Amino acid sequence: MDQLTDESKFILTQFFLADPLSEQPRVHQKKKEKSKGTVLKELDTLIHDFKEKELEIDLFPYEEAATYLRKLKGNDAYLVFLDELLAPY
């Protein structure tokens, strides 16, 4: 997980929080059950939408997060990554 920038980690975290805008965000238990494929699909859709709408946004952290998820081999590696990512919440 050290390979990800803080911004990429923050972006991934948003997919699992109940209220990302809260001052004290917490993990939504149902969202924590999302599979790697589901998160990747949501992330890819978000990237595609940003490109389609030609928003002036740095897509590198989003693409970095997607690439990192794709490189995780197996469900166990994904679950370990998820536990580390969401530990502060």
N, C-alpha and C. Protein backbone atom coordinates (compact mmCIF):
# COMPACT_ATOMS: atom_id res chain seq x y z
N MET A 1 0.83 -1.19 0.00
CA MET A 1 0.00 0.00 0.00
C MET A 1 0.87 1.25 0.00
N ASP A 2 2.12 1.12 0.36
CA ASP A 2 3.02 2.26 0.37
C ASP A 2 3.24 2.83 -1.02
N GLN A 3 2.89 2.07 -2.05
CA GLN A 3 3.10 2.52 -3.42
C GLN A 3 2.07 3.57 -3.83
N LEU A 4 1.00 3.68 -3.10
CA LEU A 4 -0.05 4.64 -3.44
C LEU A 4 0.22 5.99 -2.80
N THR A 5 -0.11 7.04 -3.53
CA THR A 5 -0.02 8.38 -2.95
C THR A 5 -1.16 8.56 -1.94
N ASP A 6 -1.00 9.51 -1.05
CA ASP A 6 -2.05 9.79 -0.07
C ASP A 6 -3.35 10.17 -0.77
N GLU A 7 -3.24 10.88 -1.87
CA GLU A 7 -4.44 11.29 -2.60
C GLU A 7 -5.18 10.08 -3.17
N SER A 8 -4.45 9.10 -3.68
CA SER A 8 -5.07 7.89 -4.21
C SER A 8 -5.74 7.09 -3.10
N LYS A 9 -5.09 7.03 -1.95
CA LYS A 9 -5.68 6.34 -0.80
C LYS A 9 -6.97 7.03 -0.38
N PHE A 10 -6.94 8.37 -0.36
CA PHE A 10 -8.12 9.15 0.01
C PHE A 10 -9.27 8.88 -0.96
N ILE A 11 -8.97 8.84 -2.25
CA ILE A 11 -9.99 8.58 -3.27
C ILE A 11 -10.61 7.21 -3.05
N LEU A 12 -9.79 6.19 -2.82
CA LEU A 12 -10.33 4.85 -2.59
C LEU A 12 -11.17 4.79 -1.32
N THR A 13 -10.75 5.49 -0.31
CA THR A 13 -11.47 5.48 0.96
C THR A 13 -12.89 5.99 0.78
N GLN A 14 -13.09 6.95 -0.10
CA GLN A 14 -14.40 7.56 -0.30
C GLN A 14 -15.45 6.54 -0.74
N PHE A 15 -15.04 5.45 -1.36
CA PHE A 15 -15.97 4.43 -1.83
C PHE A 15 -16.56 3.61 -0.67
N PHE A 16 -15.98 3.73 0.52
CA PHE A 16 -16.39 2.88 1.64
C PHE A 16 -16.97 3.63 2.83
N LEU A 17 -17.02 4.95 2.76
CA LEU A 17 -17.49 5.73 3.90
C LEU A 17 -18.99 5.99 3.82
N ALA A 18 -19.63 6.02 4.99
CA ALA A 18 -21.06 6.29 5.06
C ALA A 18 -21.35 7.73 4.68
N ASP A 19 -20.57 8.66 5.20
CA ASP A 19 -20.73 10.08 4.89
C ASP A 19 -19.33 10.69 4.75
N PRO A 20 -18.78 10.66 3.53
CA PRO A 20 -17.42 11.14 3.33
C PRO A 20 -17.20 12.60 3.72
N LEU A 21 -18.25 13.40 3.74
CA LEU A 21 -18.10 14.83 4.05
C LEU A 21 -18.18 15.12 5.54
N SER A 22 -18.50 14.13 6.33
CA SER A 22 -18.61 14.30 7.77
C SER A 22 -17.25 14.67 8.38
N GLU A 23 -17.30 15.38 9.50
CA GLU A 23 -16.04 15.70 10.19
C GLU A 23 -15.43 14.44 10.80
N GLN A 24 -16.27 13.48 11.11
CA GLN A 24 -15.80 12.19 11.65
C GLN A 24 -16.37 11.07 10.79
N PRO A 25 -15.82 10.89 9.58
CA PRO A 25 -16.36 9.85 8.70
C PRO A 25 -16.15 8.47 9.28
N ARG A 26 -17.08 7.59 8.95
CA ARG A 26 -16.97 6.21 9.42
C ARG A 26 -17.26 5.28 8.25
N VAL A 27 -16.76 4.08 8.36
CA VAL A 27 -16.94 3.08 7.31
C VAL A 27 -18.37 2.57 7.36
N HIS A 28 -18.98 2.50 6.19
CA HIS A 28 -20.32 1.92 6.06
C HIS A 28 -20.12 0.41 5.90
N GLN A 29 -20.68 -0.37 6.80
CA GLN A 29 -20.39 -1.81 6.82
C GLN A 29 -20.80 -2.52 5.53
N LYS A 30 -21.91 -2.13 4.92
CA LYS A 30 -22.32 -2.75 3.66
C LYS A 30 -21.34 -2.40 2.53
N LYS A 31 -20.88 -1.15 2.54
CA LYS A 31 -19.94 -0.74 1.50
C LYS A 31 -18.60 -1.44 1.65
N LYS A 32 -18.25 -1.79 2.88
CA LYS A 32 -16.98 -2.48 3.13
C LYS A 32 -16.98 -3.87 2.49
N GLU A 33 -18.17 -4.39 2.21
CA GLU A 33 -18.29 -5.72 1.61
C GLU A 33 -18.15 -5.70 0.09
N LYS A 34 -17.93 -4.53 -0.49
CA LYS A 34 -17.79 -4.43 -1.95
C LYS A 34 -16.60 -5.26 -2.42
N SER A 35 -16.80 -5.94 -3.52
CA SER A 35 -15.70 -6.72 -4.09
C SER A 35 -14.74 -5.79 -4.83
N LYS A 36 -13.57 -6.30 -5.11
CA LYS A 36 -12.57 -5.52 -5.84
C LYS A 36 -13.12 -5.13 -7.21
N GLY A 37 -13.82 -6.05 -7.85
CA GLY A 37 -14.39 -5.78 -9.17
C GLY A 37 -15.41 -4.65 -9.14
N THR A 38 -16.22 -4.61 -8.10
CA THR A 38 -17.22 -3.56 -7.96
C THR A 38 -16.55 -2.20 -7.78
N VAL A 39 -15.56 -2.14 -6.92
CA VAL A 39 -14.85 -0.89 -6.67
C VAL A 39 -14.15 -0.43 -7.95
N LEU A 40 -13.52 -1.36 -8.65
CA LEU A 40 -12.84 -1.02 -9.91
C LEU A 40 -13.83 -0.49 -10.94
N LYS A 41 -14.99 -1.12 -11.02
CA LYS A 41 -16.00 -0.66 -11.98
C LYS A 41 -16.46 0.75 -11.64
N GLU A 42 -16.70 1.02 -10.37
CA GLU A 42 -17.12 2.36 -9.94
C GLU A 42 -16.02 3.39 -10.22
N LEU A 43 -14.79 3.01 -9.95
CA LEU A 43 -13.66 3.91 -10.18
C LEU A 43 -13.46 4.17 -11.67
N ASP A 44 -13.53 3.12 -12.48
CA ASP A 44 -13.40 3.29 -13.93
C ASP A 44 -14.51 4.16 -14.50
N THR A 45 -15.73 3.98 -13.99
CA THR A 45 -16.85 4.80 -14.43
C THR A 45 -16.63 6.26 -14.08
N LEU A 46 -16.13 6.50 -12.88
CA LEU A 46 -15.84 7.87 -12.43
C LEU A 46 -14.77 8.52 -13.33
N ILE A 47 -13.71 7.78 -13.62
CA ILE A 47 -12.65 8.29 -14.50
C ILE A 47 -13.21 8.60 -15.88
N HIS A 48 -14.01 7.67 -16.40
CA HIS A 48 -14.61 7.86 -17.72
C HIS A 48 -15.50 9.10 -17.73
N ASP A 49 -16.31 9.27 -16.69
CA ASP A 49 -17.20 10.44 -16.61
C ASP A 49 -16.41 11.74 -16.55
N PHE A 50 -15.33 11.75 -15.79
CA PHE A 50 -14.48 12.95 -15.72
C PHE A 50 -13.92 13.29 -17.10
N LYS A 51 -13.46 12.27 -17.81
CA LYS A 51 -12.89 12.50 -19.14
C LYS A 51 -13.96 12.97 -20.13
N GLU A 52 -15.12 12.32 -20.06
CA GLU A 52 -16.21 12.66 -20.97
C GLU A 52 -16.70 14.09 -20.78
N LYS A 53 -16.75 14.52 -19.54
CA LYS A 53 -17.21 15.88 -19.23
C LYS A 53 -16.10 16.91 -19.34
N GLU A 54 -14.91 16.43 -19.68
CA GLU A 54 -13.74 17.28 -19.87
C GLU A 54 -13.50 18.20 -18.67
N LEU A 55 -13.63 17.63 -17.49
CA LEU A 55 -13.37 18.39 -16.27
C LEU A 55 -11.88 18.61 -16.11
N GLU A 56 -11.54 19.76 -15.63
CA GLU A 56 -10.13 20.10 -15.41
C GLU A 56 -9.72 19.54 -14.05
N ILE A 57 -9.42 18.27 -14.04
CA ILE A 57 -9.07 17.59 -12.80
C ILE A 57 -7.89 16.66 -13.08
N ASP A 58 -7.02 16.54 -12.11
CA ASP A 58 -5.87 15.65 -12.25
C ASP A 58 -6.35 14.21 -12.07
N LEU A 59 -6.32 13.45 -13.13
CA LEU A 59 -6.80 12.07 -13.08
C LEU A 59 -5.75 11.08 -12.60
N PHE A 60 -4.52 11.52 -12.44
CA PHE A 60 -3.46 10.60 -12.04
C PHE A 60 -3.79 9.80 -10.78
N PRO A 61 -4.26 10.43 -9.69
CA PRO A 61 -4.53 9.63 -8.48
C PRO A 61 -5.64 8.59 -8.69
N TYR A 62 -6.61 8.92 -9.52
CA TYR A 62 -7.69 7.99 -9.81
C TYR A 62 -7.17 6.80 -10.61
N GLU A 63 -6.38 7.11 -11.63
CA GLU A 63 -5.80 6.05 -12.46
C GLU A 63 -4.80 5.22 -11.68
N GLU A 64 -4.04 5.86 -10.79
CA GLU A 64 -3.09 5.14 -9.95
C GLU A 64 -3.83 4.16 -9.04
N ALA A 65 -4.93 4.60 -8.47
CA ALA A 65 -5.72 3.74 -7.59
C ALA A 65 -6.27 2.54 -8.35
N ALA A 66 -6.78 2.78 -9.56
CA ALA A 66 -7.31 1.69 -10.38
C ALA A 66 -6.20 0.69 -10.75
N THR A 67 -5.06 1.20 -11.13
CA THR A 67 -3.93 0.33 -11.48
C THR A 67 -3.49 -0.51 -10.29
N TYR A 68 -3.44 0.11 -9.12
CA TYR A 68 -3.03 -0.61 -7.92
C TYR A 68 -4.02 -1.74 -7.62
N LEU A 69 -5.31 -1.45 -7.70
CA LEU A 69 -6.31 -2.49 -7.44
C LEU A 69 -6.19 -3.64 -8.43
N ARG A 70 -5.94 -3.31 -9.69
CA ARG A 70 -5.80 -4.37 -10.70
C ARG A 70 -4.60 -5.27 -10.41
N LYS A 71 -3.56 -4.72 -9.82
CA LYS A 71 -2.35 -5.50 -9.53
C LYS A 71 -2.50 -6.41 -8.32
N LEU A 72 -3.50 -6.16 -7.49
CA LEU A 72 -3.71 -7.02 -6.32
C LEU A 72 -4.16 -8.40 -6.80
N LYS A 73 -3.44 -9.41 -6.39
CA LYS A 73 -3.76 -10.77 -6.82
C LYS A 73 -4.57 -11.49 -5.75
N GLY A 74 -5.75 -11.91 -6.11
CA GLY A 74 -6.57 -12.69 -5.20
C GLY A 74 -7.35 -11.86 -4.20
N ASN A 75 -8.38 -12.48 -3.67
CA ASN A 75 -9.27 -11.81 -2.72
C ASN A 75 -8.57 -11.53 -1.39
N ASP A 76 -7.68 -12.42 -0.97
CA ASP A 76 -6.99 -12.22 0.31
C ASP A 76 -6.15 -10.95 0.30
N ALA A 77 -5.43 -10.72 -0.79
CA ALA A 77 -4.61 -9.50 -0.91
C ALA A 77 -5.49 -8.26 -0.88
N TYR A 78 -6.65 -8.33 -1.54
CA TYR A 78 -7.59 -7.21 -1.55
C TYR A 78 -8.12 -6.94 -0.14
N LEU A 79 -8.47 -7.98 0.58
CA LEU A 79 -9.01 -7.81 1.94
C LEU A 79 -7.97 -7.24 2.90
N VAL A 80 -6.73 -7.68 2.78
CA VAL A 80 -5.65 -7.13 3.61
C VAL A 80 -5.46 -5.65 3.29
N PHE A 81 -5.45 -5.32 2.00
CA PHE A 81 -5.32 -3.92 1.58
C PHE A 81 -6.46 -3.08 2.15
N LEU A 82 -7.67 -3.61 2.05
CA LEU A 82 -8.85 -2.89 2.54
C LEU A 82 -8.77 -2.65 4.04
N ASP A 83 -8.34 -3.66 4.78
CA ASP A 83 -8.19 -3.50 6.23
C ASP A 83 -7.19 -2.40 6.57
N GLU A 84 -6.07 -2.37 5.85
CA GLU A 84 -5.06 -1.33 6.09
C GLU A 84 -5.58 0.05 5.69
N LEU A 85 -6.28 0.11 4.58
CA LEU A 85 -6.81 1.38 4.07
C LEU A 85 -7.83 1.99 5.03
N LEU A 86 -8.70 1.14 5.56
CA LEU A 86 -9.81 1.63 6.37
C LEU A 86 -9.53 1.60 7.87
N ALA A 87 -8.36 1.16 8.27
CA ALA A 87 -8.02 1.08 9.70
C ALA A 87 -8.22 2.39 10.46
N PRO A 88 -7.87 3.54 9.89
CA PRO A 88 -8.06 4.80 10.64
C PRO A 88 -9.52 5.16 10.89
N TYR A 89 -10.43 4.50 10.18
CA TYR A 89 -11.84 4.84 10.31
C TYR A 89 -12.57 3.83 11.16
